[in-house]
Amino acid sequence: MDDIYELIKQRRSIRNFKPDPIDESVIKRILEAGLWAPSAGNLQARTIFVVTKEQMKRDLSDACFGQDHVAQAPLVLVGCTDVESMRSYYGKRGTTLYGICDVSAAMENIILAAWQEGIGTCWVGNFDEEQVRHALRIDKRFLPVVVVAMGYPLEVPPAPARKCFDEGVIVL
């Protein structure tokens, strides 16, 4: 898809994946798209953990309150902000807002790049932070912001309803 607007409109949350692995060169290309996302002060104080180990995916699924598609996806990404870096530069606002925005921007780039490659994703925000840290064996300096399940879609659901322009945009 050459048209970014069409790409955005066609992207769907995918919860049923083919078991096919994703080629490493494709994964790298997708992840690199995340590195080009904007970040507060260009600190780039975010880390994306790439999970392929079956047990870790099951542990992440448990941390996501039993969302099975997390365990079934061939690949799972966990986007984290480095709270120590953000706090040292921006104080509390860095840890409660900027870091979360930075990870979200990177993951949106990743999700769109994945869709361009024919790979489906599902953004998961409902999880227990401590369980995610434990599953990944990561330090408290990393705050998990989002879990993204990835794989080739088994099926692509129809577009969900969206608010009309006038409901979602207020021009002042």
Protein backbone atom coordinates (compact mmCIF):
# COMPACT_ATOMS: atom_id res chain seq x y z
CA MET A 1 0.00 0.00 0.00
CA ASP A 2 1.54 3.24 -1.10
CA ASP A 3 -1.13 5.45 0.42
CA ILE A 4 -0.65 5.99 4.17
CA TYR A 5 -4.29 7.04 4.56
CA GLU A 6 -5.54 3.77 3.10
CA LEU A 7 -3.06 1.82 5.20
CA ILE A 8 -4.39 3.49 8.36
CA LYS A 9 -8.02 2.83 7.41
CA GLN A 10 -7.40 -0.81 6.46
CA ARG A 11 -5.43 -1.80 9.57
CA ARG A 12 -7.33 -4.04 11.97
CA SER A 13 -6.75 -5.56 15.37
CA ILE A 14 -5.96 -9.21 14.75
CA ARG A 15 -6.57 -11.83 17.42
CA ASN A 16 -6.25 -15.00 15.34
CA PHE A 17 -2.86 -15.70 13.84
CA LYS A 18 -1.36 -18.27 11.52
CA PRO A 19 1.47 -20.18 13.23
CA ASP A 20 3.93 -19.06 10.51
CA PRO A 21 7.07 -17.39 11.85
CA ILE A 22 7.95 -13.88 10.74
CA ASP A 23 11.26 -13.57 8.90
CA GLU A 24 13.95 -11.82 10.96
CA SER A 25 14.64 -9.24 8.24
CA VAL A 26 10.95 -8.26 8.25
CA ILE A 27 10.92 -8.01 12.06
CA LYS A 28 14.00 -5.79 11.96
CA ARG A 29 12.45 -3.53 9.31
CA ILE A 30 9.25 -3.22 11.37
CA LEU A 31 11.11 -2.49 14.60
CA GLU A 32 13.26 0.11 12.89
CA ALA A 33 10.06 2.00 12.01
CA GLY A 34 9.50 2.32 15.76
CA LEU A 35 12.94 3.83 16.26
CA TRP A 36 11.99 6.70 13.93
CA ALA A 37 9.01 7.77 16.04
CA PRO A 38 9.22 11.14 17.78
CA SER A 39 10.19 11.27 21.44
CA ALA A 40 10.25 13.96 24.11
CA GLY A 41 13.53 15.83 23.94
CA ASN A 42 14.68 13.14 21.48
CA LEU A 43 15.66 11.09 24.57
CA GLN A 44 14.36 7.91 22.94
CA ALA A 45 13.98 6.52 26.47
CA ARG A 46 11.97 3.53 25.36
CA THR A 47 12.78 -0.12 24.92
CA ILE A 48 10.90 -2.70 22.89
CA PHE A 49 11.22 -6.26 24.20
CA VAL A 50 10.78 -8.88 21.47
CA VAL A 51 9.33 -12.14 22.78
CA THR A 52 9.31 -15.43 20.85
CA LYS A 53 9.77 -17.97 23.67
CA GLU A 54 6.60 -19.97 24.22
CA GLN A 55 6.74 -19.91 28.03
CA MET A 56 7.29 -16.16 28.11
CA LYS A 57 4.34 -15.64 25.76
CA ARG A 58 2.15 -17.80 28.03
CA ASP A 59 3.33 -15.79 31.05
CA LEU A 60 2.53 -12.56 29.21
CA SER A 61 -0.90 -13.92 28.31
CA ASP A 62 -1.50 -14.58 32.01
CA ALA A 63 -0.28 -11.05 32.82
CA CYS A 64 -2.80 -9.80 30.24
CA PHE A 65 -5.60 -11.45 32.23
CA GLY A 66 -5.83 -14.52 30.01
CA GLN A 67 -5.94 -12.87 26.59
CA ASP A 68 -5.11 -16.05 24.65
CA HIS A 69 -4.07 -14.34 21.42
CA VAL A 70 -0.98 -13.07 23.25
CA ALA A 71 0.23 -16.64 23.83
CA GLN A 72 -0.82 -17.80 20.36
CA ALA A 73 0.91 -15.04 18.40
CA PRO A 74 4.23 -15.99 16.82
CA LEU A 75 5.76 -12.78 18.16
CA VAL A 76 4.92 -10.47 21.05
CA LEU A 77 6.35 -7.01 21.63
CA VAL A 78 6.34 -5.22 24.95
CA GLY A 79 6.92 -1.48 24.77
CA CYS A 80 8.43 0.03 27.90
CA THR A 81 9.50 3.48 28.94
CA ASP A 82 12.70 3.96 30.89
CA VAL A 83 11.27 5.80 33.89
CA GLU A 84 14.68 6.66 35.35
CA SER A 85 15.79 8.45 32.20
CA MET A 86 12.47 10.26 31.83
CA ARG A 87 12.39 11.26 35.52
CA SER A 88 15.95 12.59 35.47
CA TYR A 89 15.19 14.85 32.52
CA TYR A 90 11.51 15.77 32.93
CA GLY A 91 10.56 14.88 36.50
CA LYS A 92 7.18 13.35 37.28
CA ARG A 93 5.59 14.50 34.00
CA GLY A 94 8.26 12.55 32.13
CA THR A 95 7.26 9.32 33.84
CA THR A 96 3.49 9.84 33.88
CA LEU A 97 3.04 11.28 30.39
CA TYR A 98 6.00 11.81 28.07
CA GLY A 99 7.42 8.31 28.39
CA ILE A 100 4.01 6.77 27.76
CA CYS A 101 3.49 8.98 24.70
CA ASP A 102 6.95 8.09 23.37
CA VAL A 103 6.30 4.36 23.61
CA SER A 104 2.85 4.79 22.07
CA ALA A 105 4.25 6.73 19.11
CA ALA A 106 6.89 4.05 18.50
CA MET A 107 4.34 1.25 18.72
CA GLU A 108 1.96 2.99 16.32
CA ASN A 109 4.78 3.19 13.77
CA ILE A 110 5.49 -0.50 14.36
CA ILE A 111 1.84 -1.49 14.00
CA LEU A 112 1.47 0.40 10.72
CA ALA A 113 4.77 -0.95 9.36
CA ALA A 114 3.66 -4.47 10.30
CA TRP A 115 0.36 -4.03 8.44
CA GLN A 116 2.28 -2.80 5.40
CA GLU A 117 4.21 -6.11 5.57
CA GLY A 118 0.98 -8.14 5.78
CA ILE A 119 1.40 -8.80 9.50
CA GLY A 120 -1.47 -8.28 11.90
CA THR A 121 -1.19 -6.89 15.40
CA CYS A 122 -3.31 -6.44 18.46
CA TRP A 123 -2.60 -3.63 20.92
CA VAL A 124 -3.12 -4.87 24.48
CA GLY A 125 -3.28 -2.30 27.25
CA ASN A 126 -5.03 -4.40 29.89
CA PHE A 127 -2.30 -6.12 31.90
CA ASP A 128 -0.67 -6.32 35.29
CA GLU A 129 2.59 -4.33 35.13
CA GLU A 130 4.35 -6.36 37.78
CA GLN A 131 3.42 -9.64 36.12
CA VAL A 132 4.76 -8.35 32.81
CA ARG A 133 8.03 -7.29 34.47
CA HIS A 134 8.27 -10.70 36.11
CA ALA A 135 7.51 -12.58 32.87
CA LEU A 136 10.25 -10.67 31.05
CA ARG A 137 12.62 -10.60 34.02
CA ILE A 138 13.14 -6.87 33.62
CA ASP A 139 14.17 -4.19 36.08
CA LYS A 140 11.75 -1.73 37.69
CA ARG A 141 13.31 1.09 35.69
CA PHE A 142 11.21 -0.18 32.77
CA LEU A 143 7.51 0.62 32.89
CA PRO A 144 5.49 -1.61 30.55
CA VAL A 145 3.14 0.58 28.50
CA VAL A 146 1.77 -1.79 25.87
CA VAL A 147 1.85 -5.42 24.80
CA VAL A 148 1.44 -6.08 21.07
CA ALA A 149 0.68 -9.54 19.70
CA MET A 150 1.92 -10.01 16.11
CA GLY A 151 1.57 -12.54 13.33
CA TYR A 152 0.13 -13.24 9.93
CA PRO A 153 -3.67 -12.90 10.16
CA LEU A 154 -5.77 -16.03 10.05
CA GLU A 155 -8.65 -13.72 9.14
CA VAL A 156 -9.17 -9.98 8.85
CA PRO A 157 -12.30 -8.71 10.59
CA PRO A 158 -14.49 -6.01 9.06
CA ALA A 159 -13.91 -2.38 10.00
CA PRO A 160 -15.45 -1.41 13.33
CA ALA A 161 -17.73 1.60 13.54
CA ARG A 162 -15.98 4.93 13.99
CA LYS A 163 -17.23 8.28 15.20
CA CYS A 164 -18.02 10.67 12.42
CA PHE A 165 -15.61 13.54 11.87
CA ASP A 166 -17.75 16.10 13.71
CA GLU A 167 -18.01 13.86 16.79
CA GLY A 168 -14.30 13.17 17.05
CA VAL A 169 -12.83 16.52 16.01
CA ILE A 170 -13.57 19.92 17.50
CA VAL A 171 -12.29 22.86 15.51
CA LEU A 172 -11.83 25.98 17.64
